[in-house]
Structures are given as C-alpha cells and as structure tokens.
C-alpha cells in the first residue's frame, strides 16, 4: 500500500484522512473513542443464541 492510498482512507470515527501511524484512525483520540465503544458493548459481534459452546455430534448408529 502506498502512502497516498493510506491517507485517502477516512477515519471511521470522524471522517478525516487516516494517519499512517494510527491507521485506520486519524488520531489517538479517535482510536480511544473506538476502544471505548468496544468496551462499553456499543459494538458487538453477532452470534447465534442457540449455540451453547458444545459441538453437536452426529448420531452414532452403533450406540443403543
């Protein structure tokens, strides 16, 4: 990636050009805002509710 293309990407928080040292953010302030959003559960990664963490095993025909 060239330096000009890194600068063309806007900061996801404020929209200003990203600083290559802090990519994808333009400043430490915007980086801290993003971290705060993750820590306060404002951002979440969707998962299915029926997943209990145990892998489902196929039925065993030899088992009675």
C-alpha atoms as a PDB file:
ATOM      1  CA  UNK A   1       0.000   0.000   0.000  1.00  0.00           C
ATOM      2  CA  UNK A   2       1.414   3.373  -0.917  1.00  0.00           C
ATOM      3  CA  UNK A   3       1.481   6.332   1.407  1.00  0.00           C
ATOM      4  CA  UNK A   4      -1.073   8.239  -0.680  1.00  0.00           C
ATOM      5  CA  UNK A   5      -3.592   5.385  -0.624  1.00  0.00           C
ATOM      6  CA  UNK A   6      -3.275   5.086   3.181  1.00  0.00           C
ATOM      7  CA  UNK A   7      -4.055   8.782   3.513  1.00  0.00           C
ATOM      8  CA  UNK A   8      -7.087   8.505   1.228  1.00  0.00           C
ATOM      9  CA  UNK A   9      -8.876   6.160   3.670  1.00  0.00           C
ATOM     10  CA  UNK A  10     -11.082   8.200   6.012  1.00  0.00           C
ATOM     11  CA  UNK A  11     -11.059   7.739   9.766  1.00  0.00           C
ATOM     12  CA  UNK A  12     -14.084   5.578  10.729  1.00  0.00           C
ATOM     13  CA  UNK A  13     -14.859   7.877  13.690  1.00  0.00           C
ATOM     14  CA  UNK A  14     -14.631  11.424  12.302  1.00  0.00           C
ATOM     15  CA  UNK A  15     -14.028  11.047   8.551  1.00  0.00           C
ATOM     16  CA  UNK A  16     -10.706  12.905   8.398  1.00  0.00           C
ATOM     17  CA  UNK A  17      -7.805  11.318   6.471  1.00  0.00           C
ATOM     18  CA  UNK A  18      -6.186   8.483   8.438  1.00  0.00           C
ATOM     19  CA  UNK A  19      -2.708   8.869   9.922  1.00  0.00           C
ATOM     20  CA  UNK A  20      -0.487   6.034   8.610  1.00  0.00           C
ATOM     21  CA  UNK A  21       0.944   5.530  12.130  1.00  0.00           C
ATOM     22  CA  UNK A  22      -2.547   5.107  13.650  1.00  0.00           C
ATOM     23  CA  UNK A  23      -4.336   3.532  10.709  1.00  0.00           C
ATOM     24  CA  UNK A  24      -7.303   3.355  10.322  1.00  0.00           C
ATOM     25  CA  UNK A  25      -7.688   6.328  12.691  1.00  0.00           C
ATOM     26  CA  UNK A  26      -6.577   9.930  12.283  1.00  0.00           C
ATOM     27  CA  UNK A  27      -5.595  10.495  15.917  1.00  0.00           C
ATOM     28  CA  UNK A  28      -5.174   8.814  19.284  1.00  0.00           C
ATOM     29  CA  UNK A  29      -8.429  10.478  20.332  1.00  0.00           C
ATOM     30  CA  UNK A  30     -10.415   8.685  17.612  1.00  0.00           C
ATOM     31  CA  UNK A  31      -8.611   5.435  18.451  1.00  0.00           C
ATOM     32  CA  UNK A  32      -9.609   5.843  22.122  1.00  0.00           C
ATOM     33  CA  UNK A  33     -13.226   6.599  21.167  1.00  0.00           C
ATOM     34  CA  UNK A  34     -13.355   3.377  19.145  1.00  0.00           C
ATOM     35  CA  UNK A  35     -11.841   1.360  22.017  1.00  0.00           C
ATOM     36  CA  UNK A  36     -14.388   2.852  24.422  1.00  0.00           C
ATOM     37  CA  UNK A  37     -17.212   1.795  22.121  1.00  0.00           C
ATOM     38  CA  UNK A  38     -15.952  -1.802  22.112  1.00  0.00           C
ATOM     39  CA  UNK A  39     -15.502  -1.845  25.886  1.00  0.00           C
ATOM     40  CA  UNK A  40     -18.991  -0.444  26.533  1.00  0.00           C
ATOM     41  CA  UNK A  41     -20.606  -3.090  24.277  1.00  0.00           C
ATOM     42  CA  UNK A  42     -21.704  -0.470  21.770  1.00  0.00           C
ATOM     43  CA  UNK A  43     -20.100  -2.637  19.108  1.00  0.00           C
ATOM     44  CA  UNK A  44     -20.954  -6.336  19.161  1.00  0.00           C
ATOM     45  CA  UNK A  45     -20.141  -9.320  17.005  1.00  0.00           C
ATOM     46  CA  UNK A  46     -23.357 -11.194  16.216  1.00  0.00           C
ATOM     47  CA  UNK A  47     -23.599 -14.836  17.240  1.00  0.00           C
ATOM     48  CA  UNK A  48     -26.412 -17.343  17.269  1.00  0.00           C
ATOM     49  CA  UNK A  49     -28.268 -17.689  20.569  1.00  0.00           C
ATOM     50  CA  UNK A  50     -28.751 -21.439  20.261  1.00  0.00           C
ATOM     51  CA  UNK A  51     -25.001 -22.131  20.387  1.00  0.00           C
ATOM     52  CA  UNK A  52     -24.134 -23.449  23.858  1.00  0.00           C
ATOM     53  CA  UNK A  53     -20.434 -23.830  23.116  1.00  0.00           C
ATOM     54  CA  UNK A  54     -20.594 -27.612  22.742  1.00  0.00           C
ATOM     55  CA  UNK A  55     -20.132 -29.027  19.253  1.00  0.00           C
ATOM     56  CA  UNK A  56     -23.097 -31.075  18.098  1.00  0.00           C
ATOM     57  CA  UNK A  57     -22.122 -34.670  17.401  1.00  0.00           C
ATOM     58  CA  UNK A  58     -23.802 -36.709  14.672  1.00  0.00           C
ATOM     59  CA  UNK A  59     -25.918 -39.659  15.834  1.00  0.00           C
ATOM     60  CA  UNK A  60     -23.963 -42.863  16.387  1.00  0.00           C
ATOM     61  CA  UNK A  61     -25.837 -45.854  14.843  1.00  0.00           C
ATOM     62  CA  UNK A  62     -23.782 -48.340  16.927  1.00  0.00           C
ATOM     63  CA  UNK A  63     -24.894 -46.756  20.165  1.00  0.00           C
ATOM     64  CA  UNK A  64     -28.046 -48.082  21.900  1.00  0.00           C
END
